[in-house]
Amino acid sequence: MKGESGGVELAWWRSRGAEEIISDSEHMLADDSRLSTGSDQVDGSFNGGIPRRILFEITDRESNDLLVWMLQGEAGTGKTQWCLTLISSVLLRGVDWRELGGPKVGTGIVCVIFTENGAFPMGRLAEILRSRLEVEYLRQSSRGELEEGKAASLDVLSEKLVALVKVYKISSLDDMYAFVKRVIPGICLNHRVDAIFIDSITNIYRSKVSFSDNSSVSTGLIQLSNIFKRVSMDQNCWLVVTNQTTSEMSDMQVSTGTGMNSCIVGNRQKPSLGLVWSNSVNWRIFLSKRAAYRSLRDSGTSFRELRVELSSEVPRIR
């Protein structure tokens, strides 16, 4: 893949023939392995969870719409919190519940590309994973409580699983281009990759106000989406990307019946990065915090609502 009109030139990029593309498509249709979202209700609505080998986008927004699913979580959490739950779901798939000695043979790494301010919340991930390990172990063993010594075994197992999470801090578009040119080839050569998380794609494009006025940036964005989708196909892994929303201001004239018109100004929220990026997304999920359920929130429980905005297999529901 060459960057003649912008983007990045990749020495490792290999073009695929028609037969390989068809074969990959058939494999995608036949692959029924899904990644749990951490909620049985959402998994059921997603036909078992999140499929592999697609670009799955999580976008947050403040909304007055009536949404569908509610997720429970700590106050103040959002896209990153849900990513931590999804990462723990990937890691749980590598556990041999009979042994508890370590990950299964062949378990891959989880690659996290983190562009947010501050450090990636590895400590919070460890807490979520340890809690889910205990719950799942008790379920698998049909026990009501841990036997003596099992808590220590789960602690060790949790540390081994967390070590499979490789975090790469990316601060700019140039950093991202360098990452896909130099780091991705080494990752794919030396590791099996079970999942890729990008949190968030929006940050590295903050200074690029208009994609329509900058064709090289648009080209680079298309390239990046194609690169990560291609890696997810080659590695047969999950690809989860978080995005943010922008507000589109609008106004309308309303007649008051007094001979004067009033102007009502509103805003409509839409995912960042525009149509260029949207055309690359296979699944789009809106995650939002609602002002409703006050009595429940006052009890110390925080709720998130989730809506399927785009999917080839789950209907759009409002």
Protein backbone atom coordinates (compact mmCIF):
# COMPACT_ATOMS: atom_id res chain seq x y z
CA MET A 1 0.00 0.00 0.00
CA LYS A 2 1.57 3.28 -1.09
CA GLY A 3 0.93 6.77 0.15
CA GLU A 4 1.28 8.72 -3.11
CA SER A 5 -1.75 10.92 -2.32
CA GLY A 6 -1.28 10.94 1.42
CA GLY A 7 -1.20 8.41 4.21
CA VAL A 8 1.60 5.95 4.68
CA GLU A 9 3.64 3.61 2.50
CA LEU A 10 3.79 0.06 3.82
CA ALA A 11 6.55 -2.26 2.69
CA TRP A 12 4.84 -5.24 4.33
CA TRP A 13 1.44 -4.79 2.66
CA ARG A 14 0.48 -7.74 0.46
CA SER A 15 -2.30 -7.49 -2.10
CA ARG A 16 -4.85 -10.30 -2.11
CA GLY A 17 -6.21 -12.06 -5.16
CA ALA A 18 -9.88 -12.68 -5.90
CA GLU A 19 -9.76 -16.30 -4.71
CA GLU A 20 -8.27 -15.31 -1.36
CA ILE A 21 -10.86 -12.58 -0.88
CA ILE A 22 -13.70 -15.00 -1.63
CA SER A 23 -12.18 -17.62 0.67
CA ASP A 24 -11.86 -15.09 3.50
CA SER A 25 -15.48 -14.01 3.00
CA GLU A 26 -16.66 -17.62 3.19
CA HIS A 27 -14.62 -18.14 6.35
CA MET A 28 -16.19 -15.05 7.92
CA LEU A 29 -19.68 -16.38 7.21
CA ALA A 30 -18.79 -19.79 8.66
CA ASP A 31 -17.06 -18.42 11.78
CA ASP A 32 -19.54 -18.40 14.65
CA SER A 33 -17.12 -17.47 17.47
CA ARG A 34 -18.34 -14.39 19.32
CA LEU A 35 -16.90 -12.14 22.00
CA SER A 36 -19.07 -11.68 25.08
CA THR A 37 -19.98 -8.09 25.93
CA GLY A 38 -20.22 -8.98 29.62
CA SER A 39 -24.02 -8.82 29.52
CA ASP A 40 -26.18 -11.86 28.74
CA GLN A 41 -28.96 -9.56 27.51
CA VAL A 42 -26.72 -7.71 25.07
CA ASP A 43 -25.03 -10.95 23.94
CA GLY A 44 -28.45 -12.37 23.12
CA SER A 45 -29.31 -9.31 21.06
CA PHE A 46 -25.94 -9.54 19.29
CA ASN A 47 -26.56 -13.17 18.27
CA GLY A 48 -24.07 -14.35 20.88
CA GLY A 49 -21.69 -11.39 21.03
CA ILE A 50 -19.32 -9.43 18.80
CA PRO A 51 -18.09 -11.20 15.63
CA ARG A 52 -14.44 -11.37 14.60
CA ARG A 53 -12.85 -9.83 11.52
CA ILE A 54 -15.00 -6.69 11.37
CA LEU A 55 -14.53 -3.08 12.50
CA PHE A 56 -16.72 -2.73 15.60
CA GLU A 57 -17.11 0.90 16.68
CA ILE A 58 -18.29 2.20 20.07
CA THR A 59 -19.45 5.82 20.05
CA ASP A 60 -20.72 7.77 23.04
CA ARG A 61 -23.21 10.58 23.12
CA GLU A 62 -25.68 12.43 25.31
CA SER A 63 -29.09 11.58 23.94
CA ASN A 64 -32.77 12.13 24.57
CA ASP A 65 -33.74 9.16 22.43
CA LEU A 66 -35.33 6.09 23.93
CA LEU A 67 -32.58 3.52 23.68
CA VAL A 68 -32.65 -0.21 24.11
CA TRP A 69 -30.16 -1.92 26.44
CA MET A 70 -28.93 -0.79 29.84
CA LEU A 71 -25.47 -1.71 31.11
CA GLN A 72 -24.51 -1.39 34.75
CA GLY A 73 -21.12 0.01 35.69
CA GLU A 74 -19.21 2.39 37.91
CA ALA A 75 -20.25 6.02 37.92
CA GLY A 76 -18.46 8.13 35.34
CA THR A 77 -17.48 5.25 33.08
CA GLY A 78 -18.12 5.03 29.36
CA LYS A 79 -16.41 3.73 26.26
CA THR A 80 -13.09 2.92 27.94
CA GLN A 81 -14.88 1.09 30.75
CA TRP A 82 -16.72 -1.07 28.25
CA CYS A 83 -13.46 -1.71 26.40
CA LEU A 84 -11.96 -3.00 29.66
CA THR A 85 -14.87 -5.42 30.00
CA LEU A 86 -14.41 -6.58 26.41
CA ILE A 87 -10.66 -7.04 26.94
CA SER A 88 -11.40 -9.18 29.99
CA SER A 89 -13.80 -11.24 27.84
CA VAL A 90 -10.98 -11.88 25.36
CA LEU A 91 -8.64 -12.96 28.17
CA LEU A 92 -11.24 -15.25 29.76
CA ARG A 93 -11.44 -17.21 26.52
CA GLY A 94 -7.83 -18.29 27.09
CA VAL A 95 -8.46 -19.90 30.49
CA ASP A 96 -8.27 -23.66 31.02
CA TRP A 97 -10.71 -24.00 33.92
CA ARG A 98 -9.53 -27.51 34.78
CA GLU A 99 -5.94 -26.45 35.37
CA LEU A 100 -6.01 -22.75 36.38
CA GLY A 101 -2.27 -22.78 35.89
CA GLY A 102 -2.09 -20.33 33.04
CA PRO A 103 -3.51 -19.42 29.66
CA LYS A 104 -4.22 -22.17 27.14
CA VAL A 105 -1.53 -23.01 24.61
CA GLY A 106 -1.97 -20.78 21.59
CA THR A 107 -3.61 -17.92 23.45
CA GLY A 108 -2.69 -14.65 21.77
CA ILE A 109 -2.07 -11.12 22.94
CA VAL A 110 -4.49 -8.21 23.16
CA CYS A 111 -3.11 -5.15 21.41
CA VAL A 112 -4.38 -1.84 22.85
CA ILE A 113 -3.67 1.40 21.01
CA PHE A 114 -4.37 4.10 23.59
CA THR A 115 -4.62 7.75 22.54
CA GLU A 116 -6.43 9.23 25.54
CA ASN A 117 -4.79 11.57 28.05
CA GLY A 118 -3.02 9.90 30.94
CA ALA A 119 -2.14 6.25 31.33
CA PHE A 120 -4.17 3.24 30.29
CA PRO A 121 -6.14 2.00 33.37
CA MET A 122 -4.34 -1.33 33.69
CA GLY A 123 -5.16 -1.49 37.40
CA ARG A 124 -8.88 -1.22 36.71
CA LEU A 125 -8.58 -3.90 34.03
CA ALA A 126 -6.91 -6.22 36.55
CA GLU A 127 -9.76 -5.63 39.01
CA ILE A 128 -12.43 -6.40 36.41
CA LEU A 129 -10.61 -9.50 35.21
CA ARG A 130 -10.01 -10.85 38.73
CA SER A 131 -13.67 -10.40 39.62
CA ARG A 132 -14.87 -12.10 36.44
CA LEU A 133 -12.37 -14.93 36.89
CA GLU A 134 -13.83 -15.75 40.30
CA VAL A 135 -17.44 -15.55 39.08
CA GLU A 136 -16.72 -17.75 36.06
CA TYR A 137 -14.71 -20.28 38.09
CA LEU A 138 -17.57 -20.68 40.57
CA ARG A 139 -19.98 -21.11 37.67
CA GLN A 140 -17.77 -23.65 35.90
CA SER A 141 -17.20 -25.66 39.09
CA SER A 142 -20.81 -25.31 40.34
CA ARG A 143 -19.57 -24.04 43.71
CA GLY A 144 -20.94 -21.40 46.00
CA GLU A 145 -17.57 -20.20 47.28
CA LEU A 146 -13.86 -20.62 46.61
CA GLU A 147 -12.04 -23.58 48.09
CA GLU A 148 -8.96 -22.99 50.22
CA GLY A 149 -6.02 -21.86 48.11
CA LYS A 150 -8.08 -21.10 44.98
CA ALA A 151 -8.07 -17.35 45.59
CA ALA A 152 -4.27 -17.32 45.36
CA SER A 153 -4.40 -19.43 42.19
CA LEU A 154 -6.84 -16.99 40.62
CA ASP A 155 -4.59 -14.07 41.60
CA VAL A 156 -1.63 -15.67 39.81
CA LEU A 157 -3.74 -16.54 36.78
CA SER A 158 -5.06 -12.98 36.60
CA GLU A 159 -1.50 -11.60 36.55
CA LYS A 160 -0.52 -13.98 33.74
CA LEU A 161 -3.54 -12.97 31.67
CA VAL A 162 -3.02 -9.24 32.20
CA ALA A 163 0.56 -9.70 30.96
CA LEU A 164 -0.93 -10.63 27.58
CA VAL A 165 -2.29 -7.09 27.19
CA LYS A 166 0.19 -4.95 25.26
CA VAL A 167 -0.53 -1.21 25.43
CA TYR A 168 0.88 1.22 22.87
CA LYS A 169 0.54 4.93 23.61
CA ILE A 170 -0.11 6.92 20.44
CA SER A 171 -0.21 10.72 20.66
CA SER A 172 -0.34 11.90 17.06
CA LEU A 173 -1.09 10.90 13.51
CA ASP A 174 2.63 10.60 12.79
CA ASP A 175 2.93 8.20 15.74
CA MET A 176 0.12 6.10 14.28
CA TYR A 177 1.75 5.99 10.84
CA ALA A 178 5.05 4.93 12.44
CA PHE A 179 3.19 2.27 14.43
CA VAL A 180 1.57 0.66 11.39
CA LYS A 181 4.83 0.82 9.41
CA ARG A 182 7.26 -0.53 12.01
CA VAL A 183 5.44 -2.06 14.97
CA ILE A 184 2.54 -3.99 13.45
CA PRO A 185 4.80 -6.21 11.29
CA GLY A 186 6.78 -7.23 14.39
CA ILE A 187 3.63 -7.88 16.40
CA CYS A 188 2.15 -10.11 13.71
CA LEU A 189 5.47 -11.91 13.17
CA ASN A 190 6.12 -12.68 16.83
CA HIS A 191 2.65 -13.06 18.31
CA ARG A 192 -0.78 -14.41 17.66
CA VAL A 193 -3.18 -11.48 18.06
CA ASP A 194 -6.56 -12.24 19.63
CA ALA A 195 -7.91 -8.68 19.63
CA ILE A 196 -7.06 -5.09 18.74
CA PHE A 197 -8.56 -2.16 20.64
CA ILE A 198 -8.14 1.48 19.59
CA ASP A 199 -9.26 4.00 22.23
CA SER A 200 -9.91 6.37 20.63
CA ILE A 201 -9.44 6.94 16.92
CA THR A 202 -10.78 10.50 17.26
CA ASN A 203 -7.92 11.96 19.28
CA ILE A 204 -5.22 11.66 16.64
CA TYR A 205 -7.39 13.60 14.18
CA ARG A 206 -8.48 16.43 16.47
CA SER A 207 -6.46 19.07 14.62
CA LYS A 208 -7.76 17.96 11.22
CA VAL A 209 -10.87 20.13 11.22
CA SER A 210 -12.09 19.41 7.70
CA PHE A 211 -11.45 16.17 5.87
CA SER A 212 -13.01 17.55 2.70
CA ASP A 213 -10.30 20.23 2.56
CA ASN A 214 -7.47 17.80 3.18
CA SER A 215 -7.50 14.87 0.76
CA SER A 216 -4.23 13.44 2.11
CA VAL A 217 -5.72 13.13 5.60
CA SER A 218 -8.84 11.48 4.16
CA THR A 219 -6.66 9.05 2.23
CA GLY A 220 -4.66 8.26 5.35
CA LEU A 221 -7.83 7.62 7.35
CA ILE A 222 -9.11 5.18 4.74
CA GLN A 223 -5.71 3.46 4.74
CA LEU A 224 -5.68 3.10 8.51
CA SER A 225 -9.13 1.53 8.58
CA ASN A 226 -8.14 -0.86 5.79
CA ILE A 227 -4.87 -1.76 7.54
CA PHE A 228 -6.51 -2.66 10.84
CA LYS A 229 -9.37 -4.50 9.15
CA ARG A 230 -6.83 -6.46 7.11
CA VAL A 231 -4.83 -7.37 10.24
CA SER A 232 -8.05 -8.51 11.94
CA MET A 233 -8.75 -10.76 8.95
CA ASP A 234 -5.22 -12.17 8.77
CA GLN A 235 -5.09 -12.75 12.54
CA ASN A 236 -8.75 -13.82 12.79
CA CYS A 237 -9.16 -11.43 15.70
CA TRP A 238 -11.56 -8.86 17.08
CA LEU A 239 -11.18 -5.19 16.16
CA VAL A 240 -12.88 -2.70 18.49
CA VAL A 241 -12.51 1.05 17.97
CA THR A 242 -13.96 3.87 20.07
CA ASN A 243 -15.09 7.12 18.52
CA GLN A 244 -16.57 10.35 19.82
CA THR A 245 -19.42 12.55 18.66
CA THR A 246 -19.64 16.08 17.36
CA SER A 247 -22.67 18.34 17.62
CA GLU A 248 -24.24 19.68 14.46
CA MET A 249 -26.10 22.90 15.24
CA SER A 250 -29.38 23.55 13.46
CA ASP A 251 -32.22 26.01 13.79
CA MET A 252 -35.76 26.36 12.54
CA GLN A 253 -38.25 29.20 12.36
CA VAL A 254 -41.43 28.76 14.37
CA SER A 255 -44.45 31.00 13.94
CA THR A 256 -45.82 32.31 17.24
CA GLY A 257 -49.10 33.60 15.81
CA THR A 258 -48.24 37.18 16.75
CA GLY A 259 -46.66 38.10 13.46
CA MET A 260 -43.18 37.35 14.77
CA ASN A 261 -41.12 34.23 14.27
CA SER A 262 -39.06 32.54 16.94
CA CYS A 263 -35.85 30.70 16.22
CA ILE A 264 -35.29 27.40 18.01
CA VAL A 265 -31.70 26.24 18.04
CA GLY A 266 -30.89 22.59 18.59
CA ASN A 267 -28.06 20.17 18.01
CA ARG A 268 -27.82 16.75 16.50
CA GLN A 269 -24.96 14.55 17.56
CA LYS A 270 -23.14 12.40 15.05
CA PRO A 271 -19.94 10.32 15.10
CA SER A 272 -16.69 12.17 14.49
CA LEU A 273 -14.48 11.69 11.40
CA GLY A 274 -17.38 11.99 8.97
CA LEU A 275 -18.48 9.86 6.06
CA VAL A 276 -14.93 8.82 5.16
CA TRP A 277 -14.63 6.87 8.40
CA SER A 278 -18.28 5.78 8.58
CA ASN A 279 -17.98 3.92 5.28
CA SER A 280 -15.29 1.72 6.88
CA VAL A 281 -17.35 0.76 9.94
CA ASN A 282 -19.14 -2.62 9.95
CA TRP A 283 -20.91 -2.30 13.31
CA ARG A 284 -21.62 0.95 15.12
CA ILE A 285 -22.83 1.06 18.71
CA PHE A 286 -23.97 4.21 20.50
CA LEU A 287 -23.29 4.21 24.24
CA SER A 288 -24.90 6.99 26.27
CA LYS A 289 -25.72 8.16 29.76
CA ARG A 290 -29.34 9.13 30.38
CA ALA A 291 -30.85 11.55 32.86
CA ALA A 292 -33.66 9.14 33.61
CA TYR A 293 -33.75 6.44 36.28
CA ARG A 294 -32.89 9.00 38.98
CA SER A 295 -34.15 6.84 41.82
CA LEU A 296 -31.91 4.00 40.65
CA ARG A 297 -28.90 6.27 40.23
CA ASP A 298 -29.44 7.75 43.68
CA SER A 299 -29.02 4.26 45.08
CA GLY A 300 -25.42 4.26 43.84
CA THR A 301 -25.98 2.30 40.62
CA SER A 302 -24.93 3.87 37.32
CA PHE A 303 -26.60 2.92 34.05
CA ARG A 304 -25.52 3.09 30.44
CA GLU A 305 -27.79 2.66 27.47
CA LEU A 306 -26.71 1.12 24.23
CA ARG A 307 -28.12 1.32 20.72
CA VAL A 308 -27.22 -0.53 17.55
CA GLU A 309 -26.81 2.15 14.89
CA LEU A 310 -25.23 0.02 12.16
CA SER A 311 -24.98 -3.74 11.74
CA SER A 312 -25.34 -6.27 8.96
CA GLU A 313 -27.16 -8.74 11.19
CA VAL A 314 -28.76 -6.84 14.08
CA PRO A 315 -31.63 -4.46 13.19
CA ARG A 316 -31.37 -0.79 14.00
CA ILE A 317 -33.56 -0.24 17.03
CA ARG A 318 -34.66 3.03 18.61
